[in-house]
Amino acid sequence: MLIGEVARRSGVSARMLRHYESLGLVRPSGRTGSGYREYSGEDIRRIFHVESLRSLGLSLREIGRALDDPGFTPSALIGDLIRQTRDRIAAETELLTRLRRIDAADPTGWEDVLQVVALLQALGSKSADTRQRAALSSADEVPAPVEALVEAALSETEPNVAGALRWALARSGDGGPALLAEGLGSPVAAVRERAVRSLAEMPGEEATARLRHALANPDAVVRGHAALALGARGVADAVPVLIDMIVEGRNDTDAADALSVLASDTTTADRIATGLVDRIAHDATGAPARGRLTQALADIPGATVSRALVELSHDEDRAVALTAAYLLRLRDAR
């Protein structure tokens, strides 16, 4: 079969077939009386072998080795190809992410594009000072894309930089709460904590709704940060988690302070009082927890607390009894 017919049937151009021949990959077995290249059936099969290996990403040099070296093992080469392909996909994905973030910044000119690129590079810098300056400057004329700020906040380990990123996120507008909420499901505990801490500083109803949902998170740290943030926002849904924190001794002072803020509403104050008193009376509540719960009654108004303190002033646990008696005296003094 002549080269033109081979090119037509195989889909490999005559020029490429000549290139294969120059490299020694596929040499036509014969020549016609007029000197034209003539390919045998075996030659054509080799052409298809070359094309198949090219489709896997092998170089022509690697293909030559694969076809001509009897001791050549494909496993190592395939492993290298897998690694190279993964690296290439990662690089392309990173480029696509960068382009999307630039597009999200809605630049009006090339100067804006360059500013966004510089900001994104600074957020990924190895220097904590550079990252912090980038976060603090992100509220300028060309703001950083929210997605980039969230990614930086979820990976930042330096406290000062993390605080600057949370500040920037709180001023970033829409999109932040939803992206941060995805971080609450991370398998990495530190990422979950960074996500909820950032979410706690986001203003608006969406952030509040995401924090409410976080009250049911399996991670106690996430639940705690969400409850404290919601308590500061006057959301009574946080009460059960705040009481749990006092029982467990996790940020119990902050939790008690949050309950006292929520208790400014009469209905919520009654709910808090009932919750605290019920946990004090629960058989499974140990002495240290009963002491913390009694202390938490200090700033909760209402008759329920007063009656409970009278009863607790005669508690068999001396520490609880003394605390209750002291709190009663303070209430009477008021």
Protein backbone atom coordinates (compact mmCIF):
# COMPACT_ATOMS: atom_id res chain seq x y z
CA MET A 1 0.00 0.00 0.00
CA LEU A 2 1.44 3.37 -1.03
CA ILE A 3 1.90 6.22 1.41
CA GLY A 4 -1.09 8.24 0.16
CA GLU A 5 -3.45 5.31 0.64
CA VAL A 6 -1.99 4.59 4.10
CA ALA A 7 -2.48 8.23 5.10
CA ARG A 8 -6.08 8.16 3.90
CA ARG A 9 -6.97 4.96 5.72
CA SER A 10 -5.04 5.54 8.93
CA GLY A 11 -5.73 9.25 9.36
CA VAL A 12 -1.99 9.87 9.80
CA SER A 13 -0.72 12.47 7.33
CA ALA A 14 1.92 11.57 4.78
CA ARG A 15 4.15 14.21 6.33
CA MET A 16 3.87 12.52 9.75
CA LEU A 17 4.51 9.10 8.20
CA ARG A 18 7.73 10.45 6.70
CA HIS A 19 8.62 11.88 10.14
CA TYR A 20 8.04 8.46 11.69
CA GLU A 21 10.33 6.96 9.08
CA SER A 22 13.08 9.53 9.77
CA LEU A 23 12.93 8.58 13.45
CA GLY A 24 12.98 4.87 12.70
CA LEU A 25 9.54 4.34 14.21
CA VAL A 26 7.82 2.97 11.09
CA ARG A 27 9.88 2.06 8.03
CA PRO A 28 7.99 0.90 4.95
CA SER A 29 9.00 -2.65 4.17
CA GLY A 30 9.33 -2.20 0.44
CA ARG A 31 9.55 0.05 -2.57
CA THR A 32 7.74 -0.08 -5.86
CA GLY A 33 9.57 -0.34 -9.17
CA SER A 34 9.30 3.43 -9.40
CA GLY A 35 10.86 3.89 -5.93
CA TYR A 36 7.70 4.79 -4.02
CA ARG A 37 7.32 3.69 -0.39
CA GLU A 38 5.19 0.61 0.01
CA TYR A 39 3.75 -0.39 3.38
CA SER A 40 2.97 -3.97 4.33
CA GLY A 41 0.16 -5.10 6.62
CA GLU A 42 2.67 -5.39 9.46
CA ASP A 43 3.86 -1.82 8.81
CA ILE A 44 0.28 -0.55 9.02
CA ARG A 45 -0.27 -2.43 12.29
CA ARG A 46 2.84 -0.72 13.67
CA ILE A 47 1.45 2.66 12.62
CA PHE A 48 -1.69 1.96 14.63
CA HIS A 49 0.44 0.85 17.58
CA VAL A 50 2.34 4.16 17.43
CA GLU A 51 -0.90 6.16 17.30
CA SER A 52 -2.39 4.21 20.20
CA LEU A 53 0.63 4.90 22.38
CA ARG A 54 0.63 8.57 21.34
CA SER A 55 -2.97 8.79 22.57
CA LEU A 56 -1.69 7.84 26.04
CA GLY A 57 0.64 10.81 26.04
CA LEU A 58 3.90 8.97 25.29
CA SER A 59 6.59 10.87 23.41
CA LEU A 60 7.79 9.46 20.09
CA ARG A 61 11.08 8.51 21.76
CA GLU A 62 9.22 6.59 24.48
CA ILE A 63 7.09 4.89 21.83
CA GLY A 64 10.22 3.72 20.01
CA ARG A 65 11.55 2.19 23.22
CA ALA A 66 8.22 0.57 24.00
CA LEU A 67 7.99 -1.08 20.56
CA ASP A 68 11.63 -2.09 20.03
CA ASP A 69 13.06 -2.92 23.46
CA PRO A 70 12.08 -6.50 24.45
CA GLY A 71 13.02 -5.83 28.07
CA PHE A 72 10.97 -2.66 28.30
CA THR A 73 8.27 -2.88 30.99
CA PRO A 74 5.20 -0.69 30.58
CA SER A 75 4.29 -0.44 34.28
CA ALA A 76 6.96 2.12 35.17
CA LEU A 77 6.19 4.23 32.12
CA ILE A 78 2.44 4.12 32.74
CA GLY A 79 3.10 5.15 36.36
CA ASP A 80 5.15 8.12 35.13
CA LEU A 81 2.37 9.05 32.72
CA ILE A 82 -0.19 8.96 35.54
CA ARG A 83 1.95 11.29 37.67
CA GLN A 84 2.61 13.64 34.76
CA THR A 85 -1.09 13.74 33.91
CA ARG A 86 -2.04 14.49 37.51
CA ASP A 87 0.53 17.29 37.65
CA ARG A 88 -0.77 18.71 34.38
CA ILE A 89 -4.39 18.55 35.58
CA ALA A 90 -3.43 20.23 38.86
CA ALA A 91 -1.63 23.00 36.99
CA GLU A 92 -4.54 23.51 34.60
CA THR A 93 -7.01 23.50 37.50
CA GLU A 94 -4.95 26.09 39.33
CA LEU A 95 -4.87 28.26 36.21
CA LEU A 96 -8.63 27.88 35.73
CA THR A 97 -9.23 28.84 39.37
CA ARG A 98 -7.03 31.92 38.99
CA LEU A 99 -8.83 32.98 35.82
CA ARG A 100 -12.24 32.52 37.46
CA ARG A 101 -11.18 34.63 40.41
CA ILE A 102 -9.92 37.39 38.17
CA ASP A 103 -13.20 37.26 36.26
CA ALA A 104 -15.16 37.39 39.54
CA ALA A 105 -13.38 40.66 40.42
CA ASP A 106 -15.03 42.16 37.31
CA PRO A 107 -11.96 44.11 36.17
CA THR A 108 -12.64 47.06 33.89
CA GLY A 109 -9.17 47.24 32.38
CA TRP A 110 -5.77 45.58 32.27
CA GLU A 111 -4.60 47.66 35.22
CA ASP A 112 -7.37 46.08 37.30
CA VAL A 113 -6.39 42.61 36.07
CA LEU A 114 -2.78 43.19 37.09
CA GLN A 115 -3.86 44.42 40.52
CA VAL A 116 -5.98 41.32 41.10
CA VAL A 117 -3.14 39.04 39.96
CA ALA A 118 -0.72 40.81 42.31
CA LEU A 119 -3.21 40.50 45.18
CA LEU A 120 -3.75 36.78 44.56
CA GLN A 121 0.00 36.20 44.46
CA ALA A 122 0.43 38.12 47.72
CA LEU A 123 -2.28 36.06 49.43
CA GLY A 124 -0.29 32.94 48.51
CA SER A 125 3.05 34.36 49.62
CA LYS A 126 5.30 32.50 52.05
CA SER A 127 5.70 35.75 54.00
CA ALA A 128 3.10 36.26 56.74
CA ASP A 129 3.58 40.05 56.55
CA THR A 130 2.89 40.01 52.81
CA ARG A 131 -0.23 37.91 53.28
CA GLN A 132 -1.48 40.21 56.04
CA ARG A 133 -0.92 43.35 53.94
CA ALA A 134 -2.75 41.70 51.05
CA ALA A 135 -5.72 40.87 53.27
CA LEU A 136 -5.90 44.38 54.69
CA SER A 137 -5.65 45.94 51.22
CA SER A 138 -8.33 43.69 49.73
CA ALA A 139 -11.06 46.23 50.43
CA ASP A 140 -9.43 48.74 48.07
CA GLU A 141 -10.67 49.79 44.64
CA VAL A 142 -10.22 46.29 43.13
CA PRO A 143 -11.29 43.87 45.91
CA ALA A 144 -9.99 40.33 46.23
CA PRO A 145 -12.36 37.62 44.99
CA VAL A 146 -14.33 36.13 47.89
CA GLU A 147 -13.32 32.59 46.93
CA ALA A 148 -9.63 33.52 47.24
CA LEU A 149 -10.18 35.10 50.65
CA VAL A 150 -12.06 32.03 51.89
CA GLU A 151 -9.35 29.67 50.66
CA ALA A 152 -6.69 31.79 52.34
CA ALA A 153 -8.67 32.01 55.59
CA LEU A 154 -9.21 28.25 55.76
CA SER A 155 -5.50 27.52 55.31
CA GLU A 156 -3.96 30.36 57.37
CA THR A 157 -2.07 29.35 60.52
CA GLU A 158 -0.68 32.74 61.61
CA PRO A 159 -3.15 34.36 64.06
CA ASN A 160 -2.57 37.95 62.91
CA VAL A 161 -2.97 37.06 59.25
CA ALA A 162 -6.04 34.96 60.04
CA GLY A 163 -7.60 37.94 61.83
CA ALA A 164 -6.91 40.20 58.85
CA LEU A 165 -8.47 37.67 56.50
CA ARG A 166 -11.59 37.39 58.67
CA TRP A 167 -11.80 41.20 58.65
CA ALA A 168 -11.53 41.21 54.86
CA LEU A 169 -14.16 38.49 54.53
CA ALA A 170 -16.59 40.41 56.73
CA ARG A 171 -16.37 43.25 54.20
CA SER A 172 -16.35 41.12 51.08
CA GLY A 173 -20.08 41.05 50.36
CA ASP A 174 -22.08 38.07 49.14
CA GLY A 175 -20.77 34.55 48.71
CA GLY A 176 -18.58 34.25 51.78
CA PRO A 177 -20.99 32.49 54.18
CA ALA A 178 -21.83 29.71 51.71
CA LEU A 179 -18.17 29.04 50.93
CA LEU A 180 -17.20 29.09 54.60
CA ALA A 181 -20.05 26.72 55.42
CA GLU A 182 -18.47 24.18 53.06
CA GLY A 183 -15.35 24.33 55.25
CA LEU A 184 -17.42 23.19 58.24
CA GLY A 185 -17.55 19.75 56.62
CA SER A 186 -13.79 19.45 56.17
CA PRO A 187 -12.16 16.26 57.49
CA VAL A 188 -9.47 18.49 59.07
CA ALA A 189 -10.44 19.85 62.51
CA ALA A 190 -8.30 22.98 62.15
CA VAL A 191 -10.01 23.89 58.88
CA ARG A 192 -13.44 23.44 60.49
CA GLU A 193 -12.45 25.75 63.33
CA ARG A 194 -11.11 28.41 60.94
CA ALA A 195 -14.32 28.18 58.94
CA VAL A 196 -16.63 28.72 61.92
CA ARG A 197 -14.45 31.50 63.36
CA SER A 198 -14.58 33.31 60.02
CA LEU A 199 -18.30 32.69 59.69
CA ALA A 200 -18.84 34.10 63.19
CA GLU A 201 -17.46 37.45 62.03
CA MET A 202 -19.56 37.61 58.87
CA PRO A 203 -22.51 39.98 59.13
CA GLY A 204 -25.98 39.39 57.75
CA GLU A 205 -28.84 36.94 57.85
CA GLU A 206 -27.15 34.30 55.70
CA ALA A 207 -24.20 34.04 58.07
CA THR A 208 -26.61 33.76 61.01
CA ALA A 209 -28.52 30.99 59.24
CA ARG A 210 -25.27 29.10 58.54
CA LEU A 211 -24.27 29.46 62.20
CA ARG A 212 -27.66 28.12 63.29
CA HIS A 213 -27.06 25.07 61.12
CA ALA A 214 -23.60 24.68 62.67
CA LEU A 215 -25.19 24.15 66.10
CA ALA A 216 -25.81 20.56 65.00
CA ASN A 217 -22.28 20.02 63.69
CA PRO A 218 -20.62 16.82 65.02
CA ASP A 219 -17.55 18.85 66.02
CA ALA A 220 -17.98 20.29 69.52
CA VAL A 221 -15.53 23.11 68.73
CA VAL A 222 -17.64 24.18 65.75
CA ARG A 223 -20.81 24.02 67.82
CA GLY A 224 -19.21 26.10 70.56
CA HIS A 225 -17.99 28.91 68.30
CA ALA A 226 -21.35 28.97 66.52
CA ALA A 227 -23.25 29.17 69.83
CA LEU A 228 -21.08 32.00 71.16
CA ALA A 229 -21.52 33.98 67.94
CA LEU A 230 -25.27 33.41 67.92
CA GLY A 231 -25.53 34.34 71.58
CA ALA A 232 -23.90 37.69 70.77
CA ARG A 233 -26.50 38.13 68.02
CA GLY A 234 -29.37 37.43 70.40
CA VAL A 235 -30.33 34.09 68.85
CA ALA A 236 -31.97 31.91 71.51
CA ASP A 237 -31.36 28.72 69.50
CA ALA A 238 -27.85 28.74 70.96
CA VAL A 239 -29.04 28.18 74.55
CA PRO A 240 -28.80 24.34 74.69
CA VAL A 241 -25.27 24.31 73.25
CA LEU A 242 -24.17 27.09 75.60
CA ILE A 243 -25.45 25.09 78.58
CA ASP A 244 -23.64 22.00 77.27
CA MET A 245 -20.42 24.04 77.13
CA ILE A 246 -20.81 24.99 80.79
CA VAL A 247 -21.42 21.37 81.78
CA GLU A 248 -18.41 20.17 79.78
CA GLY A 249 -16.15 23.01 80.93
CA ARG A 250 -15.44 24.21 77.37
CA ASN A 251 -15.22 28.02 77.26
CA ASP A 252 -17.71 27.91 80.11
CA THR A 253 -17.08 31.51 81.20
CA ASP A 254 -17.75 32.81 77.67
CA ALA A 255 -20.81 30.58 77.44
CA ALA A 256 -22.18 31.95 80.73
CA ASP A 257 -21.59 35.51 79.49
CA ALA A 258 -23.49 34.70 76.28
CA LEU A 259 -26.39 33.33 78.32
CA SER A 260 -26.50 36.51 80.39
CA VAL A 261 -26.77 38.55 77.17
CA LEU A 262 -29.59 36.36 75.89
CA ALA A 263 -31.35 36.62 79.27
CA SER A 264 -32.19 40.27 78.56
CA ASP A 265 -35.29 38.85 76.87
CA THR A 266 -37.76 37.67 79.51
CA THR A 267 -38.96 34.61 77.62
CA THR A 268 -35.41 33.53 76.85
CA ALA A 269 -34.37 34.17 80.47
CA ASP A 270 -37.03 31.71 81.67
CA ARG A 271 -35.83 29.14 79.14
CA ILE A 272 -32.21 29.59 80.26
CA ALA A 273 -33.13 29.34 83.93
CA THR A 274 -35.10 26.13 83.38
CA GLY A 275 -32.26 24.63 81.35
CA LEU A 276 -29.61 25.43 83.94
CA VAL A 277 -31.71 24.21 86.88
CA ASP A 278 -32.64 20.97 85.09
CA ARG A 279 -28.98 20.21 84.37
CA ILE A 280 -27.99 20.92 87.97
CA ALA A 281 -30.63 18.44 89.14
CA HIS A 282 -29.69 15.78 86.60
CA ASP A 283 -28.19 12.67 88.19
CA ALA A 284 -25.44 12.44 85.56
CA THR A 285 -24.15 15.96 86.25
CA GLY A 286 -20.95 15.78 88.30
CA ALA A 287 -19.96 18.11 91.15
CA PRO A 288 -17.62 20.39 89.09
CA ALA A 289 -20.30 20.84 86.43
CA ARG A 290 -22.96 21.58 89.08
CA GLY A 291 -20.68 24.29 90.46
CA ARG A 292 -20.22 25.90 87.04
CA LEU A 293 -23.96 25.74 86.34
CA THR A 294 -24.71 27.37 89.69
CA GLN A 295 -22.28 30.18 88.92
CA ALA A 296 -23.98 30.66 85.54
CA LEU A 297 -27.24 31.45 87.35
CA ALA A 298 -25.70 34.67 88.67
CA ASP A 299 -26.82 36.98 85.84
CA ILE A 300 -30.07 35.24 84.93
CA PRO A 301 -33.10 37.16 86.23
CA GLY A 302 -36.42 35.71 87.32
CA ALA A 303 -38.21 33.82 90.05
CA THR A 304 -37.11 30.41 88.77
CA VAL A 305 -33.46 31.24 89.47
CA SER A 306 -34.24 32.76 92.87
CA ARG A 307 -36.10 29.62 93.97
CA ALA A 308 -33.33 27.42 92.65
CA LEU A 309 -30.65 29.38 94.51
CA VAL A 310 -32.58 29.08 97.78
CA GLU A 311 -32.72 25.32 97.34
CA LEU A 312 -29.11 25.08 96.21
CA SER A 313 -27.92 27.06 99.25
CA HIS A 314 -28.72 23.90 101.25
CA ASP A 315 -27.08 21.55 98.73
CA GLU A 316 -25.04 18.66 100.11
CA ASP A 317 -22.13 19.81 97.94
CA ARG A 318 -20.56 22.54 100.11
CA ALA A 319 -19.06 24.42 97.12
CA VAL A 320 -22.44 24.56 95.39
CA ALA A 321 -24.20 25.61 98.61
CA LEU A 322 -21.70 28.42 99.29
CA THR A 323 -21.92 29.69 95.70
CA ALA A 324 -25.72 29.69 95.81
CA ALA A 325 -25.81 31.50 99.17
CA TYR A 326 -23.40 34.14 97.88
CA LEU A 327 -25.48 34.71 94.74
CA LEU A 328 -28.63 35.04 96.85
CA ARG A 329 -26.99 37.78 98.91
CA LEU A 330 -26.01 39.61 95.74
CA ARG A 331 -29.59 39.38 94.41
CA ASP A 332 -31.00 40.66 97.70
CA ALA A 333 -28.53 43.56 97.64
CA ARG A 334 -29.82 44.63 94.26
